[in-house]
Each structure stands twice: as C-alpha cells, then as structure tokens.
Amino acid sequence: MRTVNEEARQAKKIELMEKCYDCYAENGLSGVGIKTIAKACGCNAATLYLYFENLDDLIIKSTAYCMATVSYTHLRAH
C-alpha cells in the first residue's frame, strides 16, 4: 500500500517528467541542459536530482512516460 508521501512523490515526478518533455520537445535535446529544464519545471537542478539520477535518466524516463501516455490515450480513443 502506498503512503501519502509516496503518492505525492510520484505525482511530483510525473509533473517534472511532463514539463521536462515539453521543454526539450520545444527546444531540442541539444538546446537544453539541466538548468534550463529545472527553470522550465519551476525548480532548481538539485530538486531534479532528488527524482532522477542524472540528465540522461530524466530524459529517458520522461520520454518513456510521455510516449506511453500518448499511446494509451490514442488506444482509448479508438
């Protein structure tokens, strides 16, 4: 059973992944660094490192999450 803190942490992680994805989808992967992504997420780089190991981990997980969400939404629409 998840505790309230675990659920809040997961909700924050999802929020960060969505904002991160939007940021580099708009600016390109080569055009953003951890500071740019943190600013787009409304936090600092240290906060991102609480949820993700490094920039690569953030990019991989946010892309996977957002693509899975799009795929799920697309499948439900049909």
PDB file of N, CA and C in Angstrom:
ATOM      1  N   MET A   1       0.841  -1.183   0.000  1.00  0.00           N
ATOM      2  CA  MET A   1       0.000   0.000   0.000  1.00  0.00           C
ATOM      3  C   MET A   1       0.887   1.248   0.000  1.00  0.00           C
ATOM      4  N   ARG A   2       0.578   2.179  -0.856  1.00  0.00           N
ATOM      5  CA  ARG A   2       1.345   3.422  -0.945  1.00  0.00           C
ATOM      6  C   ARG A   2       0.930   4.373   0.165  1.00  0.00           C
ATOM      7  N   THR A   3       1.917   5.062   0.692  1.00  0.00           N
ATOM      8  CA  THR A   3       1.604   6.094   1.667  1.00  0.00           C
ATOM      9  C   THR A   3       1.336   7.397   0.931  1.00  0.00           C
ATOM     10  N   VAL A   4       0.813   8.359   1.649  1.00  0.00           N
ATOM     11  CA  VAL A   4       0.524   9.669   1.061  1.00  0.00           C
ATOM     12  C   VAL A   4       1.810  10.283   0.515  1.00  0.00           C
ATOM     13  N   ASN A   5       2.916  10.147   1.257  1.00  0.00           N
ATOM     14  CA  ASN A   5       4.186  10.717   0.803  1.00  0.00           C
ATOM     15  C   ASN A   5       4.664  10.074  -0.490  1.00  0.00           C
ATOM     16  N   GLU A   6       4.512   8.766  -0.623  1.00  0.00           N
ATOM     17  CA  GLU A   6       4.921   8.081  -1.856  1.00  0.00           C
ATOM     18  C   GLU A   6       4.059   8.536  -3.026  1.00  0.00           C
ATOM     19  N   GLU A   7       2.765   8.694  -2.783  1.00  0.00           N
ATOM     20  CA  GLU A   7       1.867   9.152  -3.844  1.00  0.00           C
ATOM     21  C   GLU A   7       2.193  10.585  -4.248  1.00  0.00           C
ATOM     22  N   ALA A   8       2.494  11.438  -3.289  1.00  0.00           N
ATOM     23  CA  ALA A   8       2.858  12.822  -3.587  1.00  0.00           C
ATOM     24  C   ALA A   8       4.179  12.868  -4.348  1.00  0.00           C
ATOM     25  N   ARG A   9       5.125  12.027  -3.954  1.00  0.00           N
ATOM     26  CA  ARG A   9       6.415  11.977  -4.647  1.00  0.00           C
ATOM     27  C   ARG A   9       6.226  11.525  -6.095  1.00  0.00           C
ATOM     28  N   GLN A  10       5.392  10.504  -6.305  1.00  0.00           N
ATOM     29  CA  GLN A  10       5.150  10.017  -7.664  1.00  0.00           C
ATOM     30  C   GLN A  10       4.432  11.075  -8.502  1.00  0.00           C
ATOM     31  N   ALA A  11       3.492  11.786  -7.898  1.00  0.00           N
ATOM     32  CA  ALA A  11       2.782  12.854  -8.619  1.00  0.00           C
ATOM     33  C   ALA A  11       3.751  13.959  -9.017  1.00  0.00           C
ATOM     34  N   LYS A  12       4.668  14.324  -8.124  1.00  0.00           N
ATOM     35  CA  LYS A  12       5.661  15.364  -8.435  1.00  0.00           C
ATOM     36  C   LYS A  12       6.598  14.881  -9.536  1.00  0.00           C
ATOM     37  N   LYS A  13       7.002  13.621  -9.496  1.00  0.00           N
ATOM     38  CA  LYS A  13       7.884  13.063 -10.519  1.00  0.00           C
ATOM     39  C   LYS A  13       7.204  13.108 -11.890  1.00  0.00           C
ATOM     40  N   ILE A  14       5.942  12.765 -11.937  1.00  0.00           N
ATOM     41  CA  ILE A  14       5.186  12.811 -13.197  1.00  0.00           C
ATOM     42  C   ILE A  14       5.099  14.256 -13.701  1.00  0.00           C
ATOM     43  N   GLU A  15       4.822  15.180 -12.802  1.00  0.00           N
ATOM     44  CA  GLU A  15       4.765  16.599 -13.186  1.00  0.00           C
ATOM     45  C   GLU A  15       6.100  17.048 -13.776  1.00  0.00           C
ATOM     46  N   LEU A  16       7.199  16.673 -13.147  1.00  0.00           N
ATOM     47  CA  LEU A  16       8.524  17.041 -13.640  1.00  0.00           C
ATOM     48  C   LEU A  16       8.800  16.409 -15.001  1.00  0.00           C
ATOM     49  N   MET A  17       8.423  15.141 -15.174  1.00  0.00           N
ATOM     50  CA  MET A  17       8.652  14.471 -16.454  1.00  0.00           C
ATOM     51  C   MET A  17       7.879  15.142 -17.576  1.00  0.00           C
ATOM     52  N   GLU A  18       6.645  15.522 -17.308  1.00  0.00           N
ATOM     53  CA  GLU A  18       5.832  16.177 -18.334  1.00  0.00           C
ATOM     54  C   GLU A  18       6.411  17.542 -18.710  1.00  0.00           C
ATOM     55  N   LYS A  19       6.811  18.321 -17.729  1.00  0.00           N
ATOM     56  CA  LYS A  19       7.386  19.636 -18.006  1.00  0.00           C
ATOM     57  C   LYS A  19       8.731  19.508 -18.707  1.00  0.00           C
ATOM     58  N   CYS A  20       9.518  18.528 -18.296  1.00  0.00           N
ATOM     59  CA  CYS A  20      10.812  18.285 -18.929  1.00  0.00           C
ATOM     60  C   CYS A  20      10.612  17.935 -20.401  1.00  0.00           C
ATOM     61  N   TYR A  21       9.698  17.039 -20.670  1.00  0.00           N
ATOM     62  CA  TYR A  21       9.435  16.616 -22.040  1.00  0.00           C
ATOM     63  C   TYR A  21       9.002  17.812 -22.886  1.00  0.00           C
ATOM     64  N   ASP A  22       8.115  18.619 -22.356  1.00  0.00           N
ATOM     65  CA  ASP A  22       7.669  19.811 -23.076  1.00  0.00           C
ATOM     66  C   ASP A  22       8.846  20.736 -23.379  1.00  0.00           C
ATOM     67  N   CYS A  23       9.740  20.877 -22.415  1.00  0.00           N
ATOM     68  CA  CYS A  23      10.889  21.772 -22.570  1.00  0.00           C
ATOM     69  C   CYS A  23      11.801  21.323 -23.696  1.00  0.00           C
ATOM     70  N   TYR A  24      12.207  20.063 -23.713  1.00  0.00           N
ATOM     71  CA  TYR A  24      13.120  19.678 -24.779  1.00  0.00           C
ATOM     72  C   TYR A  24      12.416  19.344 -26.075  1.00  0.00           C
ATOM     73  N   ALA A  25      11.105  19.121 -26.032  1.00  0.00           N
ATOM     74  CA  ALA A  25      10.367  18.994 -27.287  1.00  0.00           C
ATOM     75  C   ALA A  25      10.322  20.348 -27.990  1.00  0.00           C
ATOM     76  N   GLU A  26      10.239  21.404 -27.207  1.00  0.00           N
ATOM     77  CA  GLU A  26      10.194  22.758 -27.752  1.00  0.00           C
ATOM     78  C   GLU A  26      11.581  23.261 -28.165  1.00  0.00           C
ATOM     79  N   ASN A  27      12.605  22.924 -27.382  1.00  0.00           N
ATOM     80  CA  ASN A  27      13.938  23.487 -27.588  1.00  0.00           C
ATOM     81  C   ASN A  27      14.951  22.527 -28.202  1.00  0.00           C
ATOM     82  N   GLY A  28      14.621  21.260 -28.301  1.00  0.00           N
ATOM     83  CA  GLY A  28      15.568  20.262 -28.790  1.00  0.00           C
ATOM     84  C   GLY A  28      16.488  19.791 -27.680  1.00  0.00           C
ATOM     85  N   LEU A  29      16.940  18.559 -27.794  1.00  0.00           N
ATOM     86  CA  LEU A  29      17.798  17.994 -26.751  1.00  0.00           C
ATOM     87  C   LEU A  29      19.125  18.724 -26.634  1.00  0.00           C
ATOM     88  N   SER A  30      19.677  19.143 -27.758  1.00  0.00           N
ATOM     89  CA  SER A  30      20.976  19.810 -27.700  1.00  0.00           C
ATOM     90  C   SER A  30      20.854  21.241 -27.187  1.00  0.00           C
ATOM     91  N   GLY A  31      19.646  21.765 -27.155  1.00  0.00           N
ATOM     92  CA  GLY A  31      19.441  23.144 -26.741  1.00  0.00           C
ATOM     93  C   GLY A  31      19.128  23.319 -25.270  1.00  0.00           C
ATOM     94  N   VAL A  32      19.081  22.215 -24.522  1.00  0.00           N
ATOM     95  CA  VAL A  32      18.740  22.334 -23.109  1.00  0.00           C
ATOM     96  C   VAL A  32      19.735  21.580 -22.240  1.00  0.00           C
ATOM     97  N   GLY A  33      19.935  22.111 -21.078  1.00  0.00           N
ATOM     98  CA  GLY A  33      20.738  21.462 -20.061  1.00  0.00           C
ATOM     99  C   GLY A  33      19.899  21.347 -18.802  1.00  0.00           C
ATOM    100  N   ILE A  34      20.502  20.856 -17.765  1.00  0.00           N
ATOM    101  CA  ILE A  34      19.767  20.623 -16.527  1.00  0.00           C
ATOM    102  C   ILE A  34      19.211  21.921 -15.948  1.00  0.00           C
ATOM    103  N   LYS A  35      19.951  23.025 -16.072  1.00  0.00           N
ATOM    104  CA  LYS A  35      19.475  24.305 -15.531  1.00  0.00           C
ATOM    105  C   LYS A  35      18.270  24.822 -16.301  1.00  0.00           C
ATOM    106  N   THR A  36      18.288  24.665 -17.620  1.00  0.00           N
ATOM    107  CA  THR A  36      17.154  25.094 -18.446  1.00  0.00           C
ATOM    108  C   THR A  36      15.916  24.266 -18.127  1.00  0.00           C
ATOM    109  N   ILE A  37      16.103  22.970 -17.996  1.00  0.00           N
ATOM    110  CA  ILE A  37      14.976  22.093 -17.669  1.00  0.00           C
ATOM    111  C   ILE A  37      14.441  22.425 -16.279  1.00  0.00           C
ATOM    112  N   ALA A  38      15.325  22.628 -15.328  1.00  0.00           N
ATOM    113  CA  ALA A  38      14.896  22.969 -13.971  1.00  0.00           C
ATOM    114  C   ALA A  38      14.069  24.253 -13.976  1.00  0.00           C
ATOM    115  N   LYS A  39      14.527  25.246 -14.716  1.00  0.00           N
ATOM    116  CA  LYS A  39      13.788  26.508 -14.801  1.00  0.00           C
ATOM    117  C   LYS A  39      12.403  26.276 -15.402  1.00  0.00           C
ATOM    118  N   ALA A  40      12.326  25.464 -16.455  1.00  0.00           N
ATOM    119  CA  ALA A  40      11.037  25.158 -17.082  1.00  0.00           C
ATOM    120  C   ALA A  40      10.114  24.407 -16.123  1.00  0.00           C
ATOM    121  N   CYS A  41      10.712  23.645 -15.215  1.00  0.00           N
ATOM    122  CA  CYS A  41       9.937  22.881 -14.233  1.00  0.00           C
ATOM    123  C   CYS A  41       9.584  23.702 -13.001  1.00  0.00           C
ATOM    124  N   GLY A  42      10.156  24.911 -12.903  1.00  0.00           N
ATOM    125  CA  GLY A  42       9.878  25.756 -11.758  1.00  0.00           C
ATOM    126  C   GLY A  42      10.603  25.311 -10.495  1.00  0.00           C
ATOM    127  N   CYS A  43      11.780  24.721 -10.679  1.00  0.00           N
ATOM    128  CA  CYS A  43      12.562  24.275  -9.531  1.00  0.00           C
ATOM    129  C   CYS A  43      14.035  24.507  -9.819  1.00  0.00           C
ATOM    130  N   ASN A  44      14.903  23.984  -8.983  1.00  0.00           N
ATOM    131  CA  ASN A  44      16.329  24.075  -9.258  1.00  0.00           C
ATOM    132  C   ASN A  44      16.867  22.688  -9.624  1.00  0.00           C
ATOM    133  N   ALA A  45      18.085  22.653 -10.098  1.00  0.00           N
ATOM    134  CA  ALA A  45      18.677  21.392 -10.544  1.00  0.00           C
ATOM    135  C   ALA A  45      18.740  20.365  -9.422  1.00  0.00           C
ATOM    136  N   ALA A  46      19.002  20.822  -8.205  1.00  0.00           N
ATOM    137  CA  ALA A  46      19.086  19.893  -7.067  1.00  0.00           C
ATOM    138  C   ALA A  46      17.774  19.143  -6.873  1.00  0.00           C
ATOM    139  N   THR A  47      16.660  19.809  -7.094  1.00  0.00           N
ATOM    140  CA  THR A  47      15.358  19.153  -6.970  1.00  0.00           C
ATOM    141  C   THR A  47      15.222  18.041  -8.002  1.00  0.00           C
ATOM    142  N   LEU A  48      15.662  18.292  -9.231  1.00  0.00           N
ATOM    143  CA  LEU A  48      15.586  17.255 -10.258  1.00  0.00           C
ATOM    144  C   LEU A  48      16.402  16.036  -9.863  1.00  0.00           C
ATOM    145  N   TYR A  49      17.553  16.266  -9.223  1.00  0.00           N
ATOM    146  CA  TYR A  49      18.415  15.156  -8.815  1.00  0.00           C
ATOM    147  C   TYR A  49      17.835  14.364  -7.645  1.00  0.00           C
ATOM    148  N   LEU A  50      16.811  14.883  -6.991  1.00  0.00           N
ATOM    149  CA  LEU A  50      16.110  14.102  -5.971  1.00  0.00           C
ATOM    150  C   LEU A  50      15.239  13.024  -6.605  1.00  0.00           C
ATOM    151  N   TYR A  51      14.848  13.253  -7.847  1.00  0.00           N
ATOM    152  CA  TYR A  51      13.934  12.343  -8.540  1.00  0.00           C
ATOM    153  C   TYR A  51      14.609  11.516  -9.630  1.00  0.00           C
ATOM    154  N   PHE A  52      15.723  12.002 -10.168  1.00  0.00           N
ATOM    155  CA  PHE A  52      16.394  11.351 -11.289  1.00  0.00           C
ATOM    156  C   PHE A  52      17.893  11.300 -11.039  1.00  0.00           C
ATOM    157  N   GLU A  53      18.533  10.252 -11.526  1.00  0.00           N
ATOM    158  CA  GLU A  53      19.966  10.067 -11.290  1.00  0.00           C
ATOM    159  C   GLU A  53      20.814  11.134 -11.961  1.00  0.00           C
ATOM    160  N   ASN A  54      20.455  11.491 -13.190  1.00  0.00           N
ATOM    161  CA  ASN A  54      21.215  12.471 -13.965  1.00  0.00           C
ATOM    162  C   ASN A  54      20.345  12.958 -15.122  1.00  0.00           C
ATOM    163  N   LEU A  55      20.884  13.789 -15.971  1.00  0.00           N
ATOM    164  CA  LEU A  55      20.122  14.348 -17.085  1.00  0.00           C
ATOM    165  C   LEU A  55      19.653  13.251 -18.043  1.00  0.00           C
ATOM    166  N   ASP A  56      20.514  12.292 -18.329  1.00  0.00           N
ATOM    167  CA  ASP A  56      20.118  11.192 -19.219  1.00  0.00           C
ATOM    168  C   ASP A  56      18.937  10.412 -18.649  1.00  0.00           C
ATOM    169  N   ASP A  57      18.983  10.111 -17.359  1.00  0.00           N
ATOM    170  CA  ASP A  57      17.893   9.389 -16.701  1.00  0.00           C
ATOM    171  C   ASP A  57      16.591  10.178 -16.816  1.00  0.00           C
ATOM    172  N   LEU A  58      16.665  11.476 -16.587  1.00  0.00           N
ATOM    173  CA  LEU A  58      15.483  12.336 -16.705  1.00  0.00           C
ATOM    174  C   LEU A  58      14.921  12.307 -18.118  1.00  0.00           C
ATOM    175  N   ILE A  59      15.775  12.446 -19.104  1.00  0.00           N
ATOM    176  CA  ILE A  59      15.325  12.456 -20.499  1.00  0.00           C
ATOM    177  C   ILE A  59      14.708  11.112 -20.886  1.00  0.00           C
ATOM    178  N   ILE A  60      15.358  10.029 -20.533  1.00  0.00           N
ATOM    179  CA  ILE A  60      14.859   8.692 -20.880  1.00  0.00           C
ATOM    180  C   ILE A  60      13.520   8.426 -20.207  1.00  0.00           C
ATOM    181  N   LYS A  61      13.438   8.691 -18.915  1.00  0.00           N
ATOM    182  CA  LYS A  61      12.194   8.401 -18.187  1.00  0.00           C
ATOM    183  C   LYS A  61      11.061   9.321 -18.609  1.00  0.00           C
ATOM    184  N   SER A  62      11.355  10.589 -18.851  1.00  0.00           N
ATOM    185  CA  SER A  62      10.279  11.497 -19.248  1.00  0.00           C
ATOM    186  C   SER A  62       9.770  11.160 -20.651  1.00  0.00           C
ATOM    187  N   THR A  63      10.673  10.794 -21.537  1.00  0.00           N
ATOM    188  CA  THR A  63      10.259  10.405 -22.889  1.00  0.00           C
ATOM    189  C   THR A  63       9.417   9.138 -22.839  1.00  0.00           C
ATOM    190  N   ALA A  64       9.876   8.142 -22.098  1.00  0.00           N
ATOM    191  CA  ALA A  64       9.131   6.882 -21.990  1.00  0.00           C
ATOM    192  C   ALA A  64       7.748   7.124 -21.389  1.00  0.00           C
ATOM    193  N   TYR A  65       7.689   7.916 -20.337  1.00  0.00           N
ATOM    194  CA  TYR A  65       6.409   8.201 -19.694  1.00  0.00           C
ATOM    195  C   TYR A  65       5.456   8.926 -20.641  1.00  0.00           C
ATOM    196  N   CYS A  66       5.937   9.971 -21.275  1.00  0.00           N
ATOM    197  CA  CYS A  66       5.075  10.766 -22.149  1.00  0.00           C
ATOM    198  C   CYS A  66       4.640   9.977 -23.377  1.00  0.00           C
ATOM    199  N   MET A  67       5.529   9.172 -23.942  1.00  0.00           N
ATOM    200  CA  MET A  67       5.159   8.363 -25.099  1.00  0.00           C
ATOM    201  C   MET A  67       4.144   7.287 -24.706  1.00  0.00           C
ATOM    202  N   ALA A  68       4.296   6.699 -23.532  1.00  0.00           N
ATOM    203  CA  ALA A  68       3.332   5.701 -23.055  1.00  0.00           C
ATOM    204  C   ALA A  68       1.977   6.345 -22.823  1.00  0.00           C
ATOM    205  N   THR A  69       1.976   7.557 -22.311  1.00  0.00           N
ATOM    206  CA  THR A  69       0.726   8.278 -22.078  1.00  0.00           C
ATOM    207  C   THR A  69       0.025   8.574 -23.399  1.00  0.00           C
ATOM    208  N   VAL A  70       0.783   9.012 -24.390  1.00  0.00           N
ATOM    209  CA  VAL A  70       0.219   9.293 -25.711  1.00  0.00           C
ATOM    210  C   VAL A  70      -0.322   8.006 -26.323  1.00  0.00           C
ATOM    211  N   SER A  71       0.426   6.931 -26.235  1.00  0.00           N
ATOM    212  CA  SER A  71      -0.015   5.648 -26.798  1.00  0.00           C
ATOM    213  C   SER A  71      -1.288   5.178 -26.128  1.00  0.00           C
ATOM    214  N   TYR A  72      -1.353   5.260 -24.808  1.00  0.00           N
ATOM    215  CA  TYR A  72      -2.531   4.837 -24.054  1.00  0.00           C
ATOM    216  C   TYR A  72      -3.739   5.685 -24.435  1.00  0.00           C
ATOM    217  N   THR A  73      -3.557   6.989 -24.512  1.00  0.00           N
ATOM    218  CA  THR A  73      -4.643   7.897 -24.874  1.00  0.00           C
ATOM    219  C   THR A  73      -5.127   7.609 -26.291  1.00  0.00           C
ATOM    220  N   HIS A  74      -4.189   7.357 -27.191  1.00  0.00           N
ATOM    221  CA  HIS A  74      -4.532   7.049 -28.583  1.00  0.00           C
ATOM    222  C   HIS A  74      -5.328   5.741 -28.658  1.00  0.00           C
ATOM    223  N   LEU A  75      -4.914   4.740 -27.938  1.00  0.00           N
ATOM    224  CA  LEU A  75      -5.616   3.445 -27.956  1.00  0.00           C
ATOM    225  C   LEU A  75      -7.016   3.563 -27.383  1.00  0.00           C
ATOM    226  N   ARG A  76      -7.175   4.352 -26.329  1.00  0.00           N
ATOM    227  CA  ARG A  76      -8.500   4.505 -25.724  1.00  0.00           C
ATOM    228  C   ARG A  76      -9.442   5.275 -26.627  1.00  0.00           C
ATOM    229  N   ALA A  77      -8.916   6.139 -27.482  1.00  0.00           N
ATOM    230  CA  ALA A  77      -9.753   6.942 -28.374  1.00  0.00           C
ATOM    231  C   ALA A  77     -10.345   6.099 -29.495  1.00  0.00           C
ATOM    232  N   HIS A  78      -9.719   4.972 -29.775  1.00  0.00           N
ATOM    233  CA  HIS A  78     -10.210   4.136 -30.881  1.00  0.00           C
ATOM    234  C   HIS A  78     -10.973   2.982 -30.419  1.00  0.00           C
TER     235      HIS A  78
END
